[in-house]
Each structure stands twice: as structure tokens, then as C-alpha cells.
């Protein structure tokens, strides 16, 4: 089968190669999935560059998300799943024509859901859901502050807020992003380019501070949110400027004022989807993924716009994803109809 492989870490343009590799044999409990589409996420490029929290044994393929069709099952497996469209959970190496993985790490897709929507249904939607509904356990009427509210995860958080009726304070960098937030039902918006974040938070919380926050910016913005947590409040940090292109070490630092943290008895905790997934019962991860697929199918959640590239044109696809893709998600097309 064809696979995109890197044998050493470095710039994707230099180390990613298209190779022929053998299809692994199927063990009991495993399935062979023909990949249709797999997105290029920032985490994939982090991994290729050697900067990600999980580094596979090399050579390996990037990719931790995608949609495909079950082609075969291992000895003793239920053949009824053959032909089923599925998405992967807790599965790596998806930038290849075929993936072998445990059958219980596959979730069937609702009939009628477009492949391109299903292909992006795991990483960002599950991050937004797990942060808000599992780790923070937000209930109806409760408030959440989020930084980078106009990001891919941020927009999904807003849609989940509408679904589950919690309220949001949304921190953005530029005033023109406010329209995006308002259209998605954001309750409060703070633009750091023309507003004082601390002053606005004191106004919005009547000086009591924020009880729950999620942050993917770090740096001074993340630190200022921490300074405005309520007593015993919690902030989950799941990114640092959400950019695989960031090289300034100072941008990855979260400068906290220790006395304030002590007297608040606040919690600032790192959060990473792969670690959350492996800390949960697999059945619950599958159920959450299935629920998100249903929300995407019904229109309760909206998938990002996509642009598709044949896996043979991976250099162009990676270059776009690494640069000016904007709000579009770049998908690698491994299907037989790939252009």
C-alpha cells in the first residue's frame, strides 16, 4: 500500500516521503480499514518536526484522524462490519491507504453524513466536548471563559454551549472576529486589541472572578486569565497560541504570579486530548464520538470548510495546511477517486 512516511524528524517538506509498505497481517480483534480521507492537523506537523507530546517509533506515518471503510476483520471477528464506513478513535498512522487497528477503536458513521465532515469529527469536536462536558462538566447556566474563541475548537465550544445551555465569555485578538462569535451565540466578547481584559472580567463577574476557563494561547493572555480566576477556579491549558509554526520560546511561557495563585487556591492544569482519551473508558470515548457524529449529521454542529488534495500531492497539501489555509481544513484524499 501507499503511505506517507517520515524516517526522521524535521521540516515536513524535507522528511515526508511517499512509499510502498506492506499491509500488516490481521490479528484477532483487529480490522483492516481502507482510508478515504485524513486531515492535516497542526499536531501532525508538530509530530513530523519532533515537537509533539507523542513521538512514534520511526519510520512512521503522521495522522491521528480520518474516515474509511472496513475491508476485512481478523480471525474470529464479526464479518458484518465489513463495508461499514467508520472513523478512528485513539489511532495513529492514518496518512496511508490502509490502517490496521482494533475493531473497538472504530465508530460507525450515520448514513448520509458526508465523508469530509466525518473525517474531521474526532480531534477538534472531541477536544471541545471533553473540555466542556467531561473535564469541566459544565451544566446549564454555568459560565466558561475561553481564549482564542474564533479558533476551530473555540467555534465548536460555542455550538456546544448552545446545545447544552452553558454561557461563554469569549476572548479574541481582533474586533472583526466578534461577528463570528455573536453569530454562534457567544454571550460576552472581549477583544484584547481594544479592551483591558482584567477590567472587563472584573466588570462581567462583579469582581468575583472566573470559575472555569480553557486556554490555548498561553503567554501573557493566559496568565492574565489566571489572575482573574475565582477562588478555587480552574483553567485548563490545551495549547500555546495553537500554532505549530511558533518558534519564540517566550510565547510558550505562562508567567504566573505565585502569591495570587496561592491565595486563590486556583488550579492551572495542562490538558491534552490523547491523554484524556486514554484516561477514559474506551466505551465512553466511543459514545462521545458517536454523539458528535450525530450532532454533525443533524446540523447541531457545523463542520469547517475543507479543501481536498490527492495524497500524491501531499507536498502542496502540507504547504497549504502549514501556511495560508485559514479557516479551511486540508484533507488528504486516499480514495480511488482521488484527483
C-alpha atoms as a PDB file:
ATOM      1  CA  UNK A   1       0.000   0.000   0.000  1.00  0.00           C
ATOM      2  CA  UNK A   2       0.976   3.641  -0.421  1.00  0.00           C
ATOM      3  CA  UNK A   3       1.827   5.585   2.741  1.00  0.00           C
ATOM      4  CA  UNK A   4       3.251   8.954   3.665  1.00  0.00           C
ATOM      5  CA  UNK A   5       6.267   8.205   5.830  1.00  0.00           C
ATOM      6  CA  UNK A   6       8.888  10.143   7.768  1.00  0.00           C
ATOM      7  CA  UNK A   7      12.047   8.341   8.867  1.00  0.00           C
ATOM      8  CA  UNK A   8      13.486  11.297  10.783  1.00  0.00           C
ATOM      9  CA  UNK A   9      12.060  14.445  12.296  1.00  0.00           C
ATOM     10  CA  UNK A  10      12.422  17.770  10.536  1.00  0.00           C
ATOM     11  CA  UNK A  11      10.619  20.113   8.198  1.00  0.00           C
ATOM     12  CA  UNK A  12       7.748  18.229   6.515  1.00  0.00           C
ATOM     13  CA  UNK A  13       8.839  19.375   3.055  1.00  0.00           C
ATOM     14  CA  UNK A  14      12.158  17.617   3.572  1.00  0.00           C
ATOM     15  CA  UNK A  15      11.364  14.472   5.540  1.00  0.00           C
ATOM     16  CA  UNK A  16       7.917  13.338   4.331  1.00  0.00           C
ATOM     17  CA  UNK A  17       8.076  10.743   1.562  1.00  0.00           C
ATOM     18  CA  UNK A  18       5.539   8.671  -0.375  1.00  0.00           C
ATOM     19  CA  UNK A  19       6.448   4.993  -0.012  1.00  0.00           C
ATOM     20  CA  UNK A  20       5.176   1.487  -0.672  1.00  0.00           C
ATOM     21  CA  UNK A  21       4.850  -0.515   2.550  1.00  0.00           C
ATOM     22  CA  UNK A  22       3.352  -3.951   3.248  1.00  0.00           C
ATOM     23  CA  UNK A  23      -0.122  -4.287   4.738  1.00  0.00           C
ATOM     24  CA  UNK A  24       0.263  -5.761   8.242  1.00  0.00           C
ATOM     25  CA  UNK A  25      -1.414  -9.102   8.952  1.00  0.00           C
ATOM     26  CA  UNK A  26      -4.663  -9.025  10.905  1.00  0.00           C
ATOM     27  CA  UNK A  27      -4.696 -10.370  14.455  1.00  0.00           C
ATOM     28  CA  UNK A  28      -7.870 -11.412  16.296  1.00  0.00           C
ATOM     29  CA  UNK A  29      -9.915  -8.361  17.245  1.00  0.00           C
ATOM     30  CA  UNK A  30      -8.407  -6.186  14.518  1.00  0.00           C
ATOM     31  CA  UNK A  31      -9.859  -4.679  11.355  1.00  0.00           C
ATOM     32  CA  UNK A  32      -8.343  -3.525   8.080  1.00  0.00           C
ATOM     33  CA  UNK A  33      -9.698  -0.112   7.076  1.00  0.00           C
ATOM     34  CA  UNK A  34      -9.258   1.451   3.659  1.00  0.00           C
ATOM     35  CA  UNK A  35      -8.703   5.148   4.355  1.00  0.00           C
ATOM     36  CA  UNK A  36     -10.775   7.598   2.334  1.00  0.00           C
ATOM     37  CA  UNK A  37      -9.792  10.954   3.832  1.00  0.00           C
ATOM     38  CA  UNK A  38      -7.411  12.049   6.576  1.00  0.00           C
ATOM     39  CA  UNK A  39      -6.979  15.689   7.638  1.00  0.00           C
ATOM     40  CA  UNK A  40      -3.751  17.567   8.178  1.00  0.00           C
ATOM     41  CA  UNK A  41      -3.876  18.881  11.746  1.00  0.00           C
ATOM     42  CA  UNK A  42      -1.285  21.126  13.439  1.00  0.00           C
ATOM     43  CA  UNK A  43      -0.473  18.199  15.746  1.00  0.00           C
ATOM     44  CA  UNK A  44       0.572  16.124  12.729  1.00  0.00           C
ATOM     45  CA  UNK A  45       3.114  18.746  11.705  1.00  0.00           C
ATOM     46  CA  UNK A  46       4.255  19.070  15.332  1.00  0.00           C
ATOM     47  CA  UNK A  47       4.961  15.337  15.261  1.00  0.00           C
ATOM     48  CA  UNK A  48       6.895  15.452  11.985  1.00  0.00           C
ATOM     49  CA  UNK A  49       9.009  18.271  13.421  1.00  0.00           C
ATOM     50  CA  UNK A  50       9.635  16.295  16.622  1.00  0.00           C
ATOM     51  CA  UNK A  51       7.776  18.747  18.871  1.00  0.00           C
ATOM     52  CA  UNK A  52       4.659  16.790  19.786  1.00  0.00           C
ATOM     53  CA  UNK A  53       3.791  15.109  23.087  1.00  0.00           C
ATOM     54  CA  UNK A  54       3.722  11.729  21.352  1.00  0.00           C
ATOM     55  CA  UNK A  55       6.563  10.714  19.046  1.00  0.00           C
ATOM     56  CA  UNK A  56       6.202   7.345  17.290  1.00  0.00           C
ATOM     57  CA  UNK A  57       8.959   4.894  16.634  1.00  0.00           C
ATOM     58  CA  UNK A  58      10.318   5.815  13.197  1.00  0.00           C
ATOM     59  CA  UNK A  59       9.683   5.286  10.375  1.00  0.00           C
ATOM     60  CA  UNK A  60       6.014   6.161  10.843  1.00  0.00           C
ATOM     61  CA  UNK A  61       3.115   7.913   9.208  1.00  0.00           C
ATOM     62  CA  UNK A  62       1.587  11.096  10.619  1.00  0.00           C
ATOM     63  CA  UNK A  63      -2.163  11.302  11.154  1.00  0.00           C
ATOM     64  CA  UNK A  64      -4.499  10.574  14.054  1.00  0.00           C
ATOM     65  CA  UNK A  65      -7.892  11.144  12.455  1.00  0.00           C
ATOM     66  CA  UNK A  66      -9.794  10.068   9.374  1.00  0.00           C
ATOM     67  CA  UNK A  67     -12.662   8.255   7.730  1.00  0.00           C
ATOM     68  CA  UNK A  68     -12.548   4.925   5.943  1.00  0.00           C
ATOM     69  CA  UNK A  69     -14.337   1.715   5.043  1.00  0.00           C
ATOM     70  CA  UNK A  70     -13.743  -1.618   6.798  1.00  0.00           C
ATOM     71  CA  UNK A  71     -12.299  -4.074   4.273  1.00  0.00           C
ATOM     72  CA  UNK A  72     -11.598  -7.129   6.421  1.00  0.00           C
ATOM     73  CA  UNK A  73     -11.555  -8.382  10.011  1.00  0.00           C
ATOM     74  CA  UNK A  74      -9.123 -10.611  11.844  1.00  0.00           C
ATOM     75  CA  UNK A  75      -9.719 -14.251  12.771  1.00  0.00           C
ATOM     76  CA  UNK A  76     -12.940 -14.697  14.709  1.00  0.00           C
ATOM     77  CA  UNK A  77     -14.114 -11.136  14.031  1.00  0.00           C
ATOM     78  CA  UNK A  78     -17.669 -10.205  13.081  1.00  0.00           C
ATOM     79  CA  UNK A  79     -17.747 -10.012   9.308  1.00  0.00           C
ATOM     80  CA  UNK A  80     -20.920  -7.892   9.425  1.00  0.00           C
ATOM     81  CA  UNK A  81     -18.776  -4.800   9.966  1.00  0.00           C
ATOM     82  CA  UNK A  82     -17.106  -5.239   6.563  1.00  0.00           C
ATOM     83  CA  UNK A  83     -18.229  -2.440   4.237  1.00  0.00           C
ATOM     84  CA  UNK A  84     -19.100  -0.098   7.119  1.00  0.00           C
ATOM     85  CA  UNK A  85     -17.905   3.498   6.993  1.00  0.00           C
ATOM     86  CA  UNK A  86     -16.069   4.367  10.197  1.00  0.00           C
ATOM     87  CA  UNK A  87     -13.946   6.972  11.944  1.00  0.00           C
ATOM     88  CA  UNK A  88     -10.941   6.191  14.120  1.00  0.00           C
ATOM     89  CA  UNK A  89     -10.514   6.890  17.828  1.00  0.00           C
ATOM     90  CA  UNK A  90      -7.151   6.686  19.619  1.00  0.00           C
ATOM     91  CA  UNK A  91      -5.444   5.563  16.408  1.00  0.00           C
ATOM     92  CA  UNK A  92      -2.213   6.799  14.837  1.00  0.00           C
ATOM     93  CA  UNK A  93      -0.615   6.423  11.374  1.00  0.00           C
ATOM     94  CA  UNK A  94      -3.689   7.386   9.328  1.00  0.00           C
ATOM     95  CA  UNK A  95      -1.823   9.030   6.428  1.00  0.00           C
ATOM     96  CA  UNK A  96      -1.821   5.810   4.431  1.00  0.00           C
ATOM     97  CA  UNK A  97      -4.127   3.843   2.144  1.00  0.00           C
ATOM     98  CA  UNK A  98      -4.862   1.159   4.747  1.00  0.00           C
ATOM     99  CA  UNK A  99      -4.837   1.110   8.533  1.00  0.00           C
ATOM    100  CA  UNK A 100      -4.945  -1.929  10.819  1.00  0.00           C
ATOM    101  CA  UNK A 101      -6.374  -1.180  14.248  1.00  0.00           C
ATOM    102  CA  UNK A 102      -8.504  -2.775  16.991  1.00  0.00           C
ATOM    103  CA  UNK A 103     -12.159  -3.021  15.987  1.00  0.00           C
ATOM    104  CA  UNK A 104     -13.249  -1.333  19.207  1.00  0.00           C
ATOM    105  CA  UNK A 105     -11.376   1.813  18.101  1.00  0.00           C
ATOM    106  CA  UNK A 106     -13.729   2.270  15.152  1.00  0.00           C
ATOM    107  CA  UNK A 107     -17.011   4.175  15.336  1.00  0.00           C
ATOM    108  CA  UNK A 108     -19.659   3.757  12.579  1.00  0.00           C
ATOM    109  CA  UNK A 109     -20.822   6.872  10.728  1.00  0.00           C
ATOM    110  CA  UNK A 110     -24.504   7.823  10.367  1.00  0.00           C
ATOM    111  CA  UNK A 111     -25.961   7.226   6.914  1.00  0.00           C
ATOM    112  CA  UNK A 112     -25.894  10.351   4.815  1.00  0.00           C
ATOM    113  CA  UNK A 113     -23.047  12.079   6.667  1.00  0.00           C
ATOM    114  CA  UNK A 114     -20.535  13.355   4.146  1.00  0.00           C
ATOM    115  CA  UNK A 115     -17.079  11.756   4.222  1.00  0.00           C
ATOM    116  CA  UNK A 116     -15.355  15.142   4.504  1.00  0.00           C
ATOM    117  CA  UNK A 117     -17.421  16.018   7.586  1.00  0.00           C
ATOM    118  CA  UNK A 118     -16.767  12.639   9.191  1.00  0.00           C
ATOM    119  CA  UNK A 119     -13.039  12.967   8.503  1.00  0.00           C
ATOM    120  CA  UNK A 120     -12.788  15.960  10.858  1.00  0.00           C
ATOM    121  CA  UNK A 121     -15.215  14.707  13.516  1.00  0.00           C
ATOM    122  CA  UNK A 122     -12.698  13.481  16.085  1.00  0.00           C
ATOM    123  CA  UNK A 123      -9.810  15.779  17.036  1.00  0.00           C
ATOM    124  CA  UNK A 124     -11.426  19.213  17.312  1.00  0.00           C
ATOM    125  CA  UNK A 125     -15.024  18.222  18.159  1.00  0.00           C
ATOM    126  CA  UNK A 126     -13.939  15.737  20.823  1.00  0.00           C
ATOM    127  CA  UNK A 127     -11.485  18.282  22.272  1.00  0.00           C
ATOM    128  CA  UNK A 128     -14.296  20.849  22.592  1.00  0.00           C
ATOM    129  CA  UNK A 129     -16.701  18.290  24.064  1.00  0.00           C
ATOM    130  CA  UNK A 130     -14.228  16.763  26.516  1.00  0.00           C
ATOM    131  CA  UNK A 131     -13.008  20.131  27.795  1.00  0.00           C
ATOM    132  CA  UNK A 132     -16.502  21.450  28.444  1.00  0.00           C
ATOM    133  CA  UNK A 133     -18.619  18.399  29.231  1.00  0.00           C
ATOM    134  CA  UNK A 134     -16.126  15.984  30.792  1.00  0.00           C
ATOM    135  CA  UNK A 135     -13.205  17.843  32.369  1.00  0.00           C
ATOM    136  CA  UNK A 136     -15.159  20.988  33.330  1.00  0.00           C
ATOM    137  CA  UNK A 137     -18.545  19.220  33.490  1.00  0.00           C
ATOM    138  CA  UNK A 138     -20.394  22.439  32.630  1.00  0.00           C
ATOM    139  CA  UNK A 139     -24.086  22.464  33.428  1.00  0.00           C
ATOM    140  CA  UNK A 140     -26.935  24.613  32.164  1.00  0.00           C
ATOM    141  CA  UNK A 141     -26.479  28.261  33.118  1.00  0.00           C
ATOM    142  CA  UNK A 142     -22.823  27.946  34.183  1.00  0.00           C
ATOM    143  CA  UNK A 143     -20.129  30.186  32.696  1.00  0.00           C
ATOM    144  CA  UNK A 144     -16.957  29.314  30.788  1.00  0.00           C
ATOM    145  CA  UNK A 145     -14.214  31.667  29.644  1.00  0.00           C
ATOM    146  CA  UNK A 146     -12.306  30.652  26.531  1.00  0.00           C
ATOM    147  CA  UNK A 147      -9.358  32.293  24.802  1.00  0.00           C
ATOM    148  CA  UNK A 148      -8.936  32.127  21.010  1.00  0.00           C
ATOM    149  CA  UNK A 149     -12.705  31.892  20.779  1.00  0.00           C
ATOM    150  CA  UNK A 150     -12.675  32.244  16.982  1.00  0.00           C
ATOM    151  CA  UNK A 151     -10.432  29.186  16.549  1.00  0.00           C
ATOM    152  CA  UNK A 152     -11.700  25.841  15.244  1.00  0.00           C
ATOM    153  CA  UNK A 153     -12.123  24.458  18.771  1.00  0.00           C
ATOM    154  CA  UNK A 154     -13.496  27.772  20.025  1.00  0.00           C
ATOM    155  CA  UNK A 155     -16.307  27.790  17.474  1.00  0.00           C
ATOM    156  CA  UNK A 156     -17.229  24.226  18.384  1.00  0.00           C
ATOM    157  CA  UNK A 157     -17.324  25.212  22.071  1.00  0.00           C
ATOM    158  CA  UNK A 158     -19.840  27.925  21.173  1.00  0.00           C
ATOM    159  CA  UNK A 159     -22.040  25.433  19.337  1.00  0.00           C
ATOM    160  CA  UNK A 160     -21.864  23.024  22.269  1.00  0.00           C
ATOM    161  CA  UNK A 161     -22.765  25.899  24.594  1.00  0.00           C
ATOM    162  CA  UNK A 162     -25.952  26.376  22.593  1.00  0.00           C
ATOM    163  CA  UNK A 163     -26.622  22.635  22.709  1.00  0.00           C
ATOM    164  CA  UNK A 164     -26.040  22.239  26.460  1.00  0.00           C
ATOM    165  CA  UNK A 165     -27.072  25.776  27.506  1.00  0.00           C
ATOM    166  CA  UNK A 166     -23.935  26.911  29.292  1.00  0.00           C
ATOM    167  CA  UNK A 167     -22.731  30.500  28.838  1.00  0.00           C
ATOM    168  CA  UNK A 168     -19.476  31.844  27.454  1.00  0.00           C
ATOM    169  CA  UNK A 169     -17.044  34.716  27.865  1.00  0.00           C
ATOM    170  CA  UNK A 170     -15.026  34.783  24.653  1.00  0.00           C
ATOM    171  CA  UNK A 171     -11.575  36.356  24.407  1.00  0.00           C
ATOM    172  CA  UNK A 172     -10.449  37.294  20.893  1.00  0.00           C
ATOM    173  CA  UNK A 173      -7.466  39.152  19.459  1.00  0.00           C
ATOM    174  CA  UNK A 174      -9.209  41.289  16.832  1.00  0.00           C
ATOM    175  CA  UNK A 175     -12.512  43.143  16.946  1.00  0.00           C
ATOM    176  CA  UNK A 176     -13.544  41.873  13.495  1.00  0.00           C
ATOM    177  CA  UNK A 177     -13.751  38.355  14.967  1.00  0.00           C
ATOM    178  CA  UNK A 178     -16.644  39.444  17.179  1.00  0.00           C
ATOM    179  CA  UNK A 179     -19.175  38.883  14.391  1.00  0.00           C
ATOM    180  CA  UNK A 180     -18.168  35.208  14.211  1.00  0.00           C
ATOM    181  CA  UNK A 181     -18.646  34.830  17.970  1.00  0.00           C
ATOM    182  CA  UNK A 182     -22.001  36.633  18.055  1.00  0.00           C
ATOM    183  CA  UNK A 183     -23.357  34.637  15.120  1.00  0.00           C
ATOM    184  CA  UNK A 184     -22.566  31.434  17.014  1.00  0.00           C
ATOM    185  CA  UNK A 185     -24.355  32.634  20.136  1.00  0.00           C
ATOM    186  CA  UNK A 186     -21.439  33.834  22.261  1.00  0.00           C
ATOM    187  CA  UNK A 187     -22.733  35.627  25.349  1.00  0.00           C
ATOM    188  CA  UNK A 188     -19.866  38.014  26.076  1.00  0.00           C
ATOM    189  CA  UNK A 189     -16.912  39.046  23.914  1.00  0.00           C
ATOM    190  CA  UNK A 190     -13.647  40.700  24.973  1.00  0.00           C
ATOM    191  CA  UNK A 191     -11.275  41.888  22.248  1.00  0.00           C
ATOM    192  CA  UNK A 192      -7.748  42.344  23.596  1.00  0.00           C
ATOM    193  CA  UNK A 193      -6.769  44.736  20.807  1.00  0.00           C
ATOM    194  CA  UNK A 194      -9.016  47.499  22.166  1.00  0.00           C
ATOM    195  CA  UNK A 195     -10.151  46.404  25.652  1.00  0.00           C
ATOM    196  CA  UNK A 196      -8.494  45.835  29.009  1.00  0.00           C
ATOM    197  CA  UNK A 197      -9.008  42.148  29.740  1.00  0.00           C
ATOM    198  CA  UNK A 198      -8.796  42.421  33.522  1.00  0.00           C
ATOM    199  CA  UNK A 199     -11.114  45.425  33.712  1.00  0.00           C
ATOM    200  CA  UNK A 200     -13.733  43.730  31.568  1.00  0.00           C
ATOM    201  CA  UNK A 201     -13.551  40.484  33.533  1.00  0.00           C
ATOM    202  CA  UNK A 202     -13.977  42.338  36.803  1.00  0.00           C
ATOM    203  CA  UNK A 203     -16.990  44.089  35.318  1.00  0.00           C
ATOM    204  CA  UNK A 204     -18.561  40.907  33.958  1.00  0.00           C
ATOM    205  CA  UNK A 205     -18.027  38.886  37.138  1.00  0.00           C
ATOM    206  CA  UNK A 206     -18.739  41.706  39.618  1.00  0.00           C
ATOM    207  CA  UNK A 207     -15.196  41.252  40.875  1.00  0.00           C
ATOM    208  CA  UNK A 208     -15.741  37.608  41.814  1.00  0.00           C
ATOM    209  CA  UNK A 209     -13.546  36.177  39.039  1.00  0.00           C
ATOM    210  CA  UNK A 210     -13.974  33.359  36.571  1.00  0.00           C
ATOM    211  CA  UNK A 211     -14.736  29.877  37.908  1.00  0.00           C
ATOM    212  CA  UNK A 212     -13.859  27.875  34.777  1.00  0.00           C
ATOM    213  CA  UNK A 213     -11.642  28.701  31.810  1.00  0.00           C
ATOM    214  CA  UNK A 214      -9.960  26.987  28.877  1.00  0.00           C
ATOM    215  CA  UNK A 215      -6.890  28.455  27.212  1.00  0.00           C
ATOM    216  CA  UNK A 216      -4.958  27.672  24.069  1.00  0.00           C
ATOM    217  CA  UNK A 217      -2.957  30.914  23.924  1.00  0.00           C
ATOM    218  CA  UNK A 218      -0.650  30.795  26.992  1.00  0.00           C
ATOM    219  CA  UNK A 219       1.756  33.753  27.233  1.00  0.00           C
ATOM    220  CA  UNK A 220       0.554  36.960  28.868  1.00  0.00           C
ATOM    221  CA  UNK A 221      -3.084  36.445  27.860  1.00  0.00           C
ATOM    222  CA  UNK A 222      -3.260  33.068  29.562  1.00  0.00           C
ATOM    223  CA  UNK A 223      -1.510  34.464  32.644  1.00  0.00           C
ATOM    224  CA  UNK A 224      -3.969  37.367  32.848  1.00  0.00           C
ATOM    225  CA  UNK A 225      -6.880  34.934  32.789  1.00  0.00           C
ATOM    226  CA  UNK A 226      -5.274  33.043  35.688  1.00  0.00           C
ATOM    227  CA  UNK A 227      -5.007  36.301  37.648  1.00  0.00           C
ATOM    228  CA  UNK A 228      -8.759  36.697  37.177  1.00  0.00           C
ATOM    229  CA  UNK A 229      -9.826  33.231  38.298  1.00  0.00           C
ATOM    230  CA  UNK A 230     -12.294  32.987  41.147  1.00  0.00           C
ATOM    231  CA  UNK A 231     -11.215  31.370  44.414  1.00  0.00           C
ATOM    232  CA  UNK A 232     -10.765  27.645  43.685  1.00  0.00           C
ATOM    233  CA  UNK A 233     -11.283  28.375  39.990  1.00  0.00           C
ATOM    234  CA  UNK A 234      -9.730  26.156  37.311  1.00  0.00           C
ATOM    235  CA  UNK A 235      -8.127  26.878  33.957  1.00  0.00           C
ATOM    236  CA  UNK A 236      -7.311  24.047  31.539  1.00  0.00           C
ATOM    237  CA  UNK A 237      -4.445  24.863  29.161  1.00  0.00           C
ATOM    238  CA  UNK A 238      -4.715  22.887  25.942  1.00  0.00           C
ATOM    239  CA  UNK A 239      -2.463  24.857  23.594  1.00  0.00           C
ATOM    240  CA  UNK A 240       0.143  27.601  23.251  1.00  0.00           C
ATOM    241  CA  UNK A 241      -1.015  30.004  20.547  1.00  0.00           C
ATOM    242  CA  UNK A 242      -2.415  26.952  18.763  1.00  0.00           C
ATOM    243  CA  UNK A 243       0.387  27.223  16.240  1.00  0.00           C
ATOM    244  CA  UNK A 244       2.811  24.603  15.012  1.00  0.00           C
ATOM    245  CA  UNK A 245       4.718  27.475  13.395  1.00  0.00           C
ATOM    246  CA  UNK A 246       5.505  29.265  16.693  1.00  0.00           C
ATOM    247  CA  UNK A 247       9.251  29.340  17.412  1.00  0.00           C
ATOM    248  CA  UNK A 248       9.530  32.136  20.016  1.00  0.00           C
ATOM    249  CA  UNK A 249      10.175  30.352  23.365  1.00  0.00           C
ATOM    250  CA  UNK A 250       8.651  33.273  25.282  1.00  0.00           C
ATOM    251  CA  UNK A 251       5.287  32.613  23.669  1.00  0.00           C
ATOM    252  CA  UNK A 252       5.169  29.174  25.281  1.00  0.00           C
ATOM    253  CA  UNK A 253       5.690  30.542  28.792  1.00  0.00           C
ATOM    254  CA  UNK A 254       2.753  31.132  31.147  1.00  0.00           C
ATOM    255  CA  UNK A 255       4.066  33.673  33.687  1.00  0.00           C
ATOM    256  CA  UNK A 256       2.072  33.135  36.870  1.00  0.00           C
ATOM    257  CA  UNK A 257       2.149  35.362  39.964  1.00  0.00           C
ATOM    258  CA  UNK A 258       2.609  32.850  42.758  1.00  0.00           C
ATOM    259  CA  UNK A 259       1.014  34.792  45.661  1.00  0.00           C
ATOM    260  CA  UNK A 260      -2.155  35.373  43.635  1.00  0.00           C
ATOM    261  CA  UNK A 261      -2.291  31.691  42.698  1.00  0.00           C
ATOM    262  CA  UNK A 262      -1.743  30.655  46.310  1.00  0.00           C
ATOM    263  CA  UNK A 263      -4.367  32.946  47.817  1.00  0.00           C
ATOM    264  CA  UNK A 264      -6.913  31.977  45.170  1.00  0.00           C
ATOM    265  CA  UNK A 265      -6.163  28.273  45.687  1.00  0.00           C
ATOM    266  CA  UNK A 266      -6.704  28.158  41.937  1.00  0.00           C
ATOM    267  CA  UNK A 267      -5.809  25.301  39.609  1.00  0.00           C
ATOM    268  CA  UNK A 268      -3.965  25.662  36.316  1.00  0.00           C
ATOM    269  CA  UNK A 269      -3.764  22.293  34.612  1.00  0.00           C
ATOM    270  CA  UNK A 270      -2.454  21.078  31.302  1.00  0.00           C
ATOM    271  CA  UNK A 271      -4.926  19.255  29.080  1.00  0.00           C
ATOM    272  CA  UNK A 272      -4.145  17.060  26.063  1.00  0.00           C
ATOM    273  CA  UNK A 273      -6.680  15.066  24.066  1.00  0.00           C
ATOM    274  CA  UNK A 274      -4.617  11.845  23.663  1.00  0.00           C
ATOM    275  CA  UNK A 275      -4.032  11.699  27.415  1.00  0.00           C
ATOM    276  CA  UNK A 276      -7.691  12.424  28.156  1.00  0.00           C
ATOM    277  CA  UNK A 277      -8.749   9.665  25.746  1.00  0.00           C
ATOM    278  CA  UNK A 278      -6.507   7.059  27.340  1.00  0.00           C
ATOM    279  CA  UNK A 279      -7.686   8.079  30.827  1.00  0.00           C
ATOM    280  CA  UNK A 280     -11.333   7.367  29.982  1.00  0.00           C
ATOM    281  CA  UNK A 281     -13.110   4.051  29.432  1.00  0.00           C
ATOM    282  CA  UNK A 282     -12.933   3.373  25.704  1.00  0.00           C
ATOM    283  CA  UNK A 283     -16.700   2.787  25.604  1.00  0.00           C
ATOM    284  CA  UNK A 284     -17.269   6.340  26.844  1.00  0.00           C
ATOM    285  CA  UNK A 285     -14.896   7.807  24.254  1.00  0.00           C
ATOM    286  CA  UNK A 286     -16.723   5.856  21.544  1.00  0.00           C
ATOM    287  CA  UNK A 287     -20.097   7.045  22.856  1.00  0.00           C
ATOM    288  CA  UNK A 288     -18.986  10.695  22.882  1.00  0.00           C
ATOM    289  CA  UNK A 289     -17.618  10.358  19.344  1.00  0.00           C
ATOM    290  CA  UNK A 290     -20.859   8.747  18.176  1.00  0.00           C
ATOM    291  CA  UNK A 291     -22.880  11.575  19.763  1.00  0.00           C
ATOM    292  CA  UNK A 292     -20.723  14.162  17.992  1.00  0.00           C
ATOM    293  CA  UNK A 293     -21.214  12.374  14.668  1.00  0.00           C
ATOM    294  CA  UNK A 294     -24.972  12.515  15.270  1.00  0.00           C
ATOM    295  CA  UNK A 295     -24.768  16.257  16.033  1.00  0.00           C
ATOM    296  CA  UNK A 296     -22.803  16.824  12.831  1.00  0.00           C
ATOM    297  CA  UNK A 297     -25.308  14.767  10.874  1.00  0.00           C
ATOM    298  CA  UNK A 298     -28.286  16.697  12.289  1.00  0.00           C
ATOM    299  CA  UNK A 299     -26.690  20.117  11.819  1.00  0.00           C
ATOM    300  CA  UNK A 300     -26.413  20.814  15.549  1.00  0.00           C
ATOM    301  CA  UNK A 301     -22.670  21.117  14.925  1.00  0.00           C
ATOM    302  CA  UNK A 302     -21.156  22.631  11.788  1.00  0.00           C
ATOM    303  CA  UNK A 303     -18.014  21.208  10.224  1.00  0.00           C
ATOM    304  CA  UNK A 304     -15.307  23.514   8.837  1.00  0.00           C
ATOM    305  CA  UNK A 305     -14.926  24.156   5.125  1.00  0.00           C
ATOM    306  CA  UNK A 306     -12.479  21.726   3.553  1.00  0.00           C
ATOM    307  CA  UNK A 307     -10.149  21.508   0.600  1.00  0.00           C
ATOM    308  CA  UNK A 308      -9.114  18.081  -0.682  1.00  0.00           C
ATOM    309  CA  UNK A 309      -5.803  17.007  -2.187  1.00  0.00           C
ATOM    310  CA  UNK A 310      -4.800  13.635  -3.570  1.00  0.00           C
ATOM    311  CA  UNK A 311      -2.243  12.052  -1.248  1.00  0.00           C
ATOM    312  CA  UNK A 312       0.097  12.115  -4.264  1.00  0.00           C
ATOM    313  CA  UNK A 313       0.074  15.916  -3.994  1.00  0.00           C
ATOM    314  CA  UNK A 314       0.972  15.841  -0.306  1.00  0.00           C
ATOM    315  CA  UNK A 315       3.694  18.468  -0.600  1.00  0.00           C
ATOM    316  CA  UNK A 316       1.232  21.065  -1.839  1.00  0.00           C
ATOM    317  CA  UNK A 317      -1.368  19.982   0.718  1.00  0.00           C
ATOM    318  CA  UNK A 318       1.078  20.212   3.625  1.00  0.00           C
ATOM    319  CA  UNK A 319       2.345  23.586   2.433  1.00  0.00           C
ATOM    320  CA  UNK A 320      -1.208  24.962   2.414  1.00  0.00           C
ATOM    321  CA  UNK A 321      -2.052  23.480   5.826  1.00  0.00           C
ATOM    322  CA  UNK A 322       1.192  24.868   7.220  1.00  0.00           C
ATOM    323  CA  UNK A 323       0.550  28.344   5.879  1.00  0.00           C
ATOM    324  CA  UNK A 324      -2.494  30.050   4.479  1.00  0.00           C
ATOM    325  CA  UNK A 325      -5.326  27.517   4.742  1.00  0.00           C
ATOM    326  CA  UNK A 326      -7.155  29.925   7.032  1.00  0.00           C
ATOM    327  CA  UNK A 327     -10.462  28.504   8.188  1.00  0.00           C
ATOM    328  CA  UNK A 328     -10.288  25.619   5.702  1.00  0.00           C
ATOM    329  CA  UNK A 329      -9.285  22.152   6.820  1.00  0.00           C
ATOM    330  CA  UNK A 330      -6.916  20.429   4.382  1.00  0.00           C
ATOM    331  CA  UNK A 331      -7.789  16.771   3.698  1.00  0.00           C
ATOM    332  CA  UNK A 332      -5.549  14.134   2.157  1.00  0.00           C
ATOM    333  CA  UNK A 333      -7.624  12.002  -0.215  1.00  0.00           C
ATOM    334  CA  UNK A 334      -6.649   8.333  -0.304  1.00  0.00           C
ATOM    335  CA  UNK A 335      -9.790   7.152  -2.115  1.00  0.00           C
ATOM    336  CA  UNK A 336      -9.695   5.550  -5.539  1.00  0.00           C
ATOM    337  CA  UNK A 337     -11.429   8.641  -6.949  1.00  0.00           C
ATOM    338  CA  UNK A 338      -8.746  10.998  -5.645  1.00  0.00           C
ATOM    339  CA  UNK A 339      -7.929  13.637  -8.293  1.00  0.00           C
END
